[in-house]
Amino acid sequence: MRSKALSFALAPLLFLASFLTAADKVDSLVIWPGYVVGLPPDHCVAQQNGPDFHVLYFRDRTPQHVNLVGVYAGHHPDFKPECKSPKTGKWTADGLAFEAVRGAEECAEFLVHDTANERGFLHIWFCPGAKTHPQLAEAFVTSIRPAPLPLKDLPDPPACK
């Protein structure tokens, strides 16, 4: 069972290693409630803030602003993926616990949380842009790591215009 979960977790990394080039390098971005994520090149962020959560969409900079991934950041995720023919996996990396559900039609959702701190959750889902740029969407997920706490004076992510 463990080898199955490990291969499920390593598959995206092996996929990325074969496709990413220097042009695909991602920049780091610290987001509330205490995570570092990779900002894909030529992407911006549309952010909506709720009373105790944020929803972010990482979009390309084309006039259509196609969403690559969506992210719920907060303490009360509603993680109920509706992928057809779902396959699940769990793994840990950098002190974070990852839960993944992948299914037909390139459906993919992830739940991330810190096992040692109360930094909240990230619920990530792939959007239409992930179908045309799967390596960037996978790189986003594999880029996630904990940010040093406490967070102080976070700059706003690069906004979409």
C-alpha atoms as a PDB file:
ATOM      1  CA  MET A   1       0.000   0.000   0.000  1.00  0.00           C
ATOM      2  CA  ARG A   2       2.828   2.382   0.874  1.00  0.00           C
ATOM      3  CA  SER A   3       4.580   1.827  -2.464  1.00  0.00           C
ATOM      4  CA  LYS A   4       1.326   2.642  -4.285  1.00  0.00           C
ATOM      5  CA  ALA A   5       0.989   5.920  -2.373  1.00  0.00           C
ATOM      6  CA  LEU A   6       4.650   6.720  -2.962  1.00  0.00           C
ATOM      7  CA  SER A   7       4.380   6.096  -6.700  1.00  0.00           C
ATOM      8  CA  PHE A   8       1.205   8.236  -6.775  1.00  0.00           C
ATOM      9  CA  ALA A   9       3.154  11.070  -5.137  1.00  0.00           C
ATOM     10  CA  LEU A  10       6.287  10.696  -7.266  1.00  0.00           C
ATOM     11  CA  ALA A  11       4.521  10.466 -10.634  1.00  0.00           C
ATOM     12  CA  PRO A  12       3.975  14.244 -10.914  1.00  0.00           C
ATOM     13  CA  LEU A  13       7.630  14.891 -10.015  1.00  0.00           C
ATOM     14  CA  LEU A  14       8.915  12.504 -12.662  1.00  0.00           C
ATOM     15  CA  PHE A  15       6.519  14.012 -15.184  1.00  0.00           C
ATOM     16  CA  LEU A  16       7.787  17.497 -14.360  1.00  0.00           C
ATOM     17  CA  ALA A  17      11.423  16.543 -14.566  1.00  0.00           C
ATOM     18  CA  SER A  18      10.922  15.425 -18.137  1.00  0.00           C
ATOM     19  CA  PHE A  19       9.044  18.556 -19.279  1.00  0.00           C
ATOM     20  CA  LEU A  20      10.165  21.610 -17.340  1.00  0.00           C
ATOM     21  CA  THR A  21      12.777  23.835 -18.893  1.00  0.00           C
ATOM     22  CA  ALA A  22      14.487  26.980 -17.652  1.00  0.00           C
ATOM     23  CA  ALA A  23      11.626  28.994 -19.201  1.00  0.00           C
ATOM     24  CA  ASP A  24       9.163  27.140 -16.946  1.00  0.00           C
ATOM     25  CA  LYS A  25      10.913  28.247 -13.735  1.00  0.00           C
ATOM     26  CA  VAL A  26       8.407  29.343 -11.122  1.00  0.00           C
ATOM     27  CA  ASP A  27       8.853  32.275  -8.724  1.00  0.00           C
ATOM     28  CA  SER A  28       7.969  31.851  -5.055  1.00  0.00           C
ATOM     29  CA  LEU A  29       4.983  33.618  -3.555  1.00  0.00           C
ATOM     30  CA  VAL A  30       4.000  33.562   0.140  1.00  0.00           C
ATOM     31  CA  ILE A  31       0.248  33.331   0.677  1.00  0.00           C
ATOM     32  CA  TRP A  32      -1.837  33.431   3.807  1.00  0.00           C
ATOM     33  CA  PRO A  33      -2.213  31.356   6.049  1.00  0.00           C
ATOM     34  CA  GLY A  34       1.475  30.474   5.792  1.00  0.00           C
ATOM     35  CA  TYR A  35       2.419  28.687   2.598  1.00  0.00           C
ATOM     36  CA  VAL A  36       4.922  29.301  -0.149  1.00  0.00           C
ATOM     37  CA  VAL A  37       3.645  28.447  -3.626  1.00  0.00           C
ATOM     38  CA  GLY A  38       5.201  28.723  -7.044  1.00  0.00           C
ATOM     39  CA  LEU A  39       3.928  31.482  -9.302  1.00  0.00           C
ATOM     40  CA  PRO A  40       4.048  30.062 -12.833  1.00  0.00           C
ATOM     41  CA  PRO A  41       5.800  32.291 -15.379  1.00  0.00           C
ATOM     42  CA  ASP A  42       3.558  34.762 -17.199  1.00  0.00           C
ATOM     43  CA  HIS A  43       0.748  34.264 -14.663  1.00  0.00           C
ATOM     44  CA  CYS A  44      -1.065  36.645 -12.345  1.00  0.00           C
ATOM     45  CA  VAL A  45      -3.382  36.153  -9.379  1.00  0.00           C
ATOM     46  CA  ALA A  46      -7.041  37.085  -8.964  1.00  0.00           C
ATOM     47  CA  GLN A  47      -7.766  37.071  -5.230  1.00  0.00           C
ATOM     48  CA  GLN A  48     -11.045  37.304  -3.337  1.00  0.00           C
ATOM     49  CA  ASN A  49     -10.875  37.661   0.431  1.00  0.00           C
ATOM     50  CA  GLY A  50     -13.592  36.292   2.651  1.00  0.00           C
ATOM     51  CA  PRO A  51     -13.985  36.883   6.385  1.00  0.00           C
ATOM     52  CA  ASP A  52     -11.564  34.078   7.288  1.00  0.00           C
ATOM     53  CA  PHE A  53     -10.360  32.705   3.956  1.00  0.00           C
ATOM     54  CA  HIS A  54      -8.938  33.666   0.572  1.00  0.00           C
ATOM     55  CA  VAL A  55      -9.745  32.253  -2.865  1.00  0.00           C
ATOM     56  CA  LEU A  56      -7.025  32.718  -5.452  1.00  0.00           C
ATOM     57  CA  TYR A  57      -7.009  31.951  -9.163  1.00  0.00           C
ATOM     58  CA  PHE A  58      -3.660  31.708 -10.909  1.00  0.00           C
ATOM     59  CA  ARG A  59      -4.345  32.961 -14.458  1.00  0.00           C
ATOM     60  CA  ASP A  60      -2.266  33.376 -17.573  1.00  0.00           C
ATOM     61  CA  ARG A  61      -1.649  36.903 -18.810  1.00  0.00           C
ATOM     62  CA  THR A  62      -3.440  36.447 -22.120  1.00  0.00           C
ATOM     63  CA  PRO A  63      -6.480  38.672 -22.770  1.00  0.00           C
ATOM     64  CA  GLN A  64      -8.703  35.679 -21.907  1.00  0.00           C
ATOM     65  CA  HIS A  65      -7.057  35.196 -18.457  1.00  0.00           C
ATOM     66  CA  VAL A  66      -7.432  31.406 -18.490  1.00  0.00           C
ATOM     67  CA  ASN A  67      -7.301  29.953 -14.958  1.00  0.00           C
ATOM     68  CA  LEU A  68      -4.558  27.378 -14.378  1.00  0.00           C
ATOM     69  CA  VAL A  69      -5.392  26.485 -10.758  1.00  0.00           C
ATOM     70  CA  GLY A  70      -7.763  27.671  -8.079  1.00  0.00           C
ATOM     71  CA  VAL A  71      -6.831  27.759  -4.391  1.00  0.00           C
ATOM     72  CA  TYR A  72      -8.923  28.037  -1.234  1.00  0.00           C
ATOM     73  CA  ALA A  73      -6.665  29.193   1.627  1.00  0.00           C
ATOM     74  CA  GLY A  74      -8.187  29.076   5.080  1.00  0.00           C
ATOM     75  CA  HIS A  75      -9.142  26.986   8.083  1.00  0.00           C
ATOM     76  CA  HIS A  76     -12.415  25.368   6.943  1.00  0.00           C
ATOM     77  CA  PRO A  77     -12.003  23.698   3.530  1.00  0.00           C
ATOM     78  CA  ASP A  78     -14.879  21.907   1.832  1.00  0.00           C
ATOM     79  CA  PHE A  79     -12.844  19.130   0.225  1.00  0.00           C
ATOM     80  CA  LYS A  80     -15.371  16.952  -1.608  1.00  0.00           C
ATOM     81  CA  PRO A  81     -13.887  16.315  -5.064  1.00  0.00           C
ATOM     82  CA  GLU A  82     -16.336  15.220  -7.740  1.00  0.00           C
ATOM     83  CA  CYS A  83     -13.915  13.640 -10.197  1.00  0.00           C
ATOM     84  CA  LYS A  84     -15.241  10.850 -12.404  1.00  0.00           C
ATOM     85  CA  SER A  85     -13.455   7.515 -11.832  1.00  0.00           C
ATOM     86  CA  PRO A  86     -11.462   8.958  -8.904  1.00  0.00           C
ATOM     87  CA  LYS A  87      -8.127   7.654  -7.687  1.00  0.00           C
ATOM     88  CA  THR A  88      -6.839   8.887  -4.357  1.00  0.00           C
ATOM     89  CA  GLY A  89      -3.403   9.258  -2.857  1.00  0.00           C
ATOM     90  CA  LYS A  90      -1.745  10.650   0.244  1.00  0.00           C
ATOM     91  CA  TRP A  91       1.844  11.656   0.947  1.00  0.00           C
ATOM     92  CA  THR A  92       3.927  14.056   3.007  1.00  0.00           C
ATOM     93  CA  ALA A  93       6.621  16.483   1.878  1.00  0.00           C
ATOM     94  CA  ASP A  94       8.409  19.285   3.752  1.00  0.00           C
ATOM     95  CA  GLY A  95       6.269  18.619   6.844  1.00  0.00           C
ATOM     96  CA  LEU A  96       3.047  19.030   4.859  1.00  0.00           C
ATOM     97  CA  ALA A  97       0.356  16.405   4.361  1.00  0.00           C
ATOM     98  CA  PHE A  98      -1.066  16.123   0.838  1.00  0.00           C
ATOM     99  CA  GLU A  99      -4.274  14.368  -0.159  1.00  0.00           C
ATOM    100  CA  ALA A 100      -5.025  14.054  -3.867  1.00  0.00           C
ATOM    101  CA  VAL A 101      -8.011  12.987  -5.915  1.00  0.00           C
ATOM    102  CA  ARG A 102      -7.476  12.552  -9.638  1.00  0.00           C
ATOM    103  CA  GLY A 103     -10.013  11.406 -12.146  1.00  0.00           C
ATOM    104  CA  ALA A 104     -11.229  11.347 -15.710  1.00  0.00           C
ATOM    105  CA  GLU A 105     -11.028  14.402 -17.956  1.00  0.00           C
ATOM    106  CA  GLU A 106      -7.903  15.595 -16.118  1.00  0.00           C
ATOM    107  CA  CYS A 107      -9.841  16.347 -12.941  1.00  0.00           C
ATOM    108  CA  ALA A 108      -7.452  16.916 -10.019  1.00  0.00           C
ATOM    109  CA  GLU A 109      -7.957  18.313  -6.523  1.00  0.00           C
ATOM    110  CA  PHE A 110      -5.569  18.471  -3.585  1.00  0.00           C
ATOM    111  CA  LEU A 111      -5.847  19.203   0.124  1.00  0.00           C
ATOM    112  CA  VAL A 112      -2.689  20.416   1.860  1.00  0.00           C
ATOM    113  CA  HIS A 113      -2.097  21.092   5.535  1.00  0.00           C
ATOM    114  CA  ASP A 114       0.760  21.415   7.977  1.00  0.00           C
ATOM    115  CA  THR A 115       0.854  18.477  10.373  1.00  0.00           C
ATOM    116  CA  ALA A 116       2.748  20.410  13.084  1.00  0.00           C
ATOM    117  CA  ASN A 117       1.246  23.927  13.051  1.00  0.00           C
ATOM    118  CA  GLU A 118      -2.158  25.568  12.901  1.00  0.00           C
ATOM    119  CA  ARG A 119      -1.505  27.329   9.613  1.00  0.00           C
ATOM    120  CA  GLY A 120      -4.746  26.234   7.957  1.00  0.00           C
ATOM    121  CA  PHE A 121      -5.384  24.424   4.696  1.00  0.00           C
ATOM    122  CA  LEU A 122      -4.961  24.817   0.982  1.00  0.00           C
ATOM    123  CA  HIS A 123      -7.590  23.233  -1.261  1.00  0.00           C
ATOM    124  CA  ILE A 124      -6.303  23.297  -4.845  1.00  0.00           C
ATOM    125  CA  TRP A 125      -8.198  22.372  -7.994  1.00  0.00           C
ATOM    126  CA  PHE A 126      -7.080  22.275 -11.597  1.00  0.00           C
ATOM    127  CA  CYS A 127      -8.878  24.684 -13.936  1.00  0.00           C
ATOM    128  CA  PRO A 128      -9.165  24.715 -17.771  1.00  0.00           C
ATOM    129  CA  GLY A 129      -5.607  26.044 -18.197  1.00  0.00           C
ATOM    130  CA  ALA A 130      -4.262  22.857 -16.604  1.00  0.00           C
ATOM    131  CA  LYS A 131      -5.490  20.888 -19.616  1.00  0.00           C
ATOM    132  CA  THR A 132      -3.262  22.834 -21.985  1.00  0.00           C
ATOM    133  CA  HIS A 133      -0.387  23.355 -19.496  1.00  0.00           C
ATOM    134  CA  PRO A 134      -0.385  20.263 -17.266  1.00  0.00           C
ATOM    135  CA  GLN A 135       3.289  20.611 -16.333  1.00  0.00           C
ATOM    136  CA  LEU A 136       2.691  24.120 -14.918  1.00  0.00           C
ATOM    137  CA  ALA A 137      -0.297  22.921 -12.880  1.00  0.00           C
ATOM    138  CA  GLU A 138       1.697  19.982 -11.508  1.00  0.00           C
ATOM    139  CA  ALA A 139       4.653  22.288 -10.767  1.00  0.00           C
ATOM    140  CA  PHE A 140       2.320  24.503  -8.747  1.00  0.00           C
ATOM    141  CA  VAL A 141       1.340  21.579  -6.507  1.00  0.00           C
ATOM    142  CA  THR A 142       4.892  20.299  -6.075  1.00  0.00           C
ATOM    143  CA  SER A 143       6.124  23.821  -5.236  1.00  0.00           C
ATOM    144  CA  ILE A 144       4.039  24.118  -2.050  1.00  0.00           C
ATOM    145  CA  ARG A 145       5.961  24.299   1.209  1.00  0.00           C
ATOM    146  CA  PRO A 146       5.453  25.924   4.616  1.00  0.00           C
ATOM    147  CA  ALA A 147       6.365  29.607   5.009  1.00  0.00           C
ATOM    148  CA  PRO A 148       8.192  30.772   8.127  1.00  0.00           C
ATOM    149  CA  LEU A 149       5.737  31.881  10.810  1.00  0.00           C
ATOM    150  CA  PRO A 150       4.622  34.394  11.891  1.00  0.00           C
ATOM    151  CA  LEU A 151       3.751  36.058   8.599  1.00  0.00           C
ATOM    152  CA  LYS A 152       4.480  39.761   8.491  1.00  0.00           C
ATOM    153  CA  ASP A 153       3.431  42.375   5.938  1.00  0.00           C
ATOM    154  CA  LEU A 154       2.763  40.065   3.023  1.00  0.00           C
ATOM    155  CA  PRO A 155       2.790  41.873  -0.297  1.00  0.00           C
ATOM    156  CA  ASP A 156      -0.212  41.401  -2.543  1.00  0.00           C
ATOM    157  CA  PRO A 157       0.306  38.791  -5.258  1.00  0.00           C
ATOM    158  CA  PRO A 158       0.752  40.104  -8.824  1.00  0.00           C
ATOM    159  CA  ALA A 159      -2.823  41.066  -9.701  1.00  0.00           C
ATOM    160  CA  CYS A 160      -4.467  40.376 -13.049  1.00  0.00           C
ATOM    161  CA  LYS A 161      -5.465  43.518 -14.929  1.00  0.00           C
END
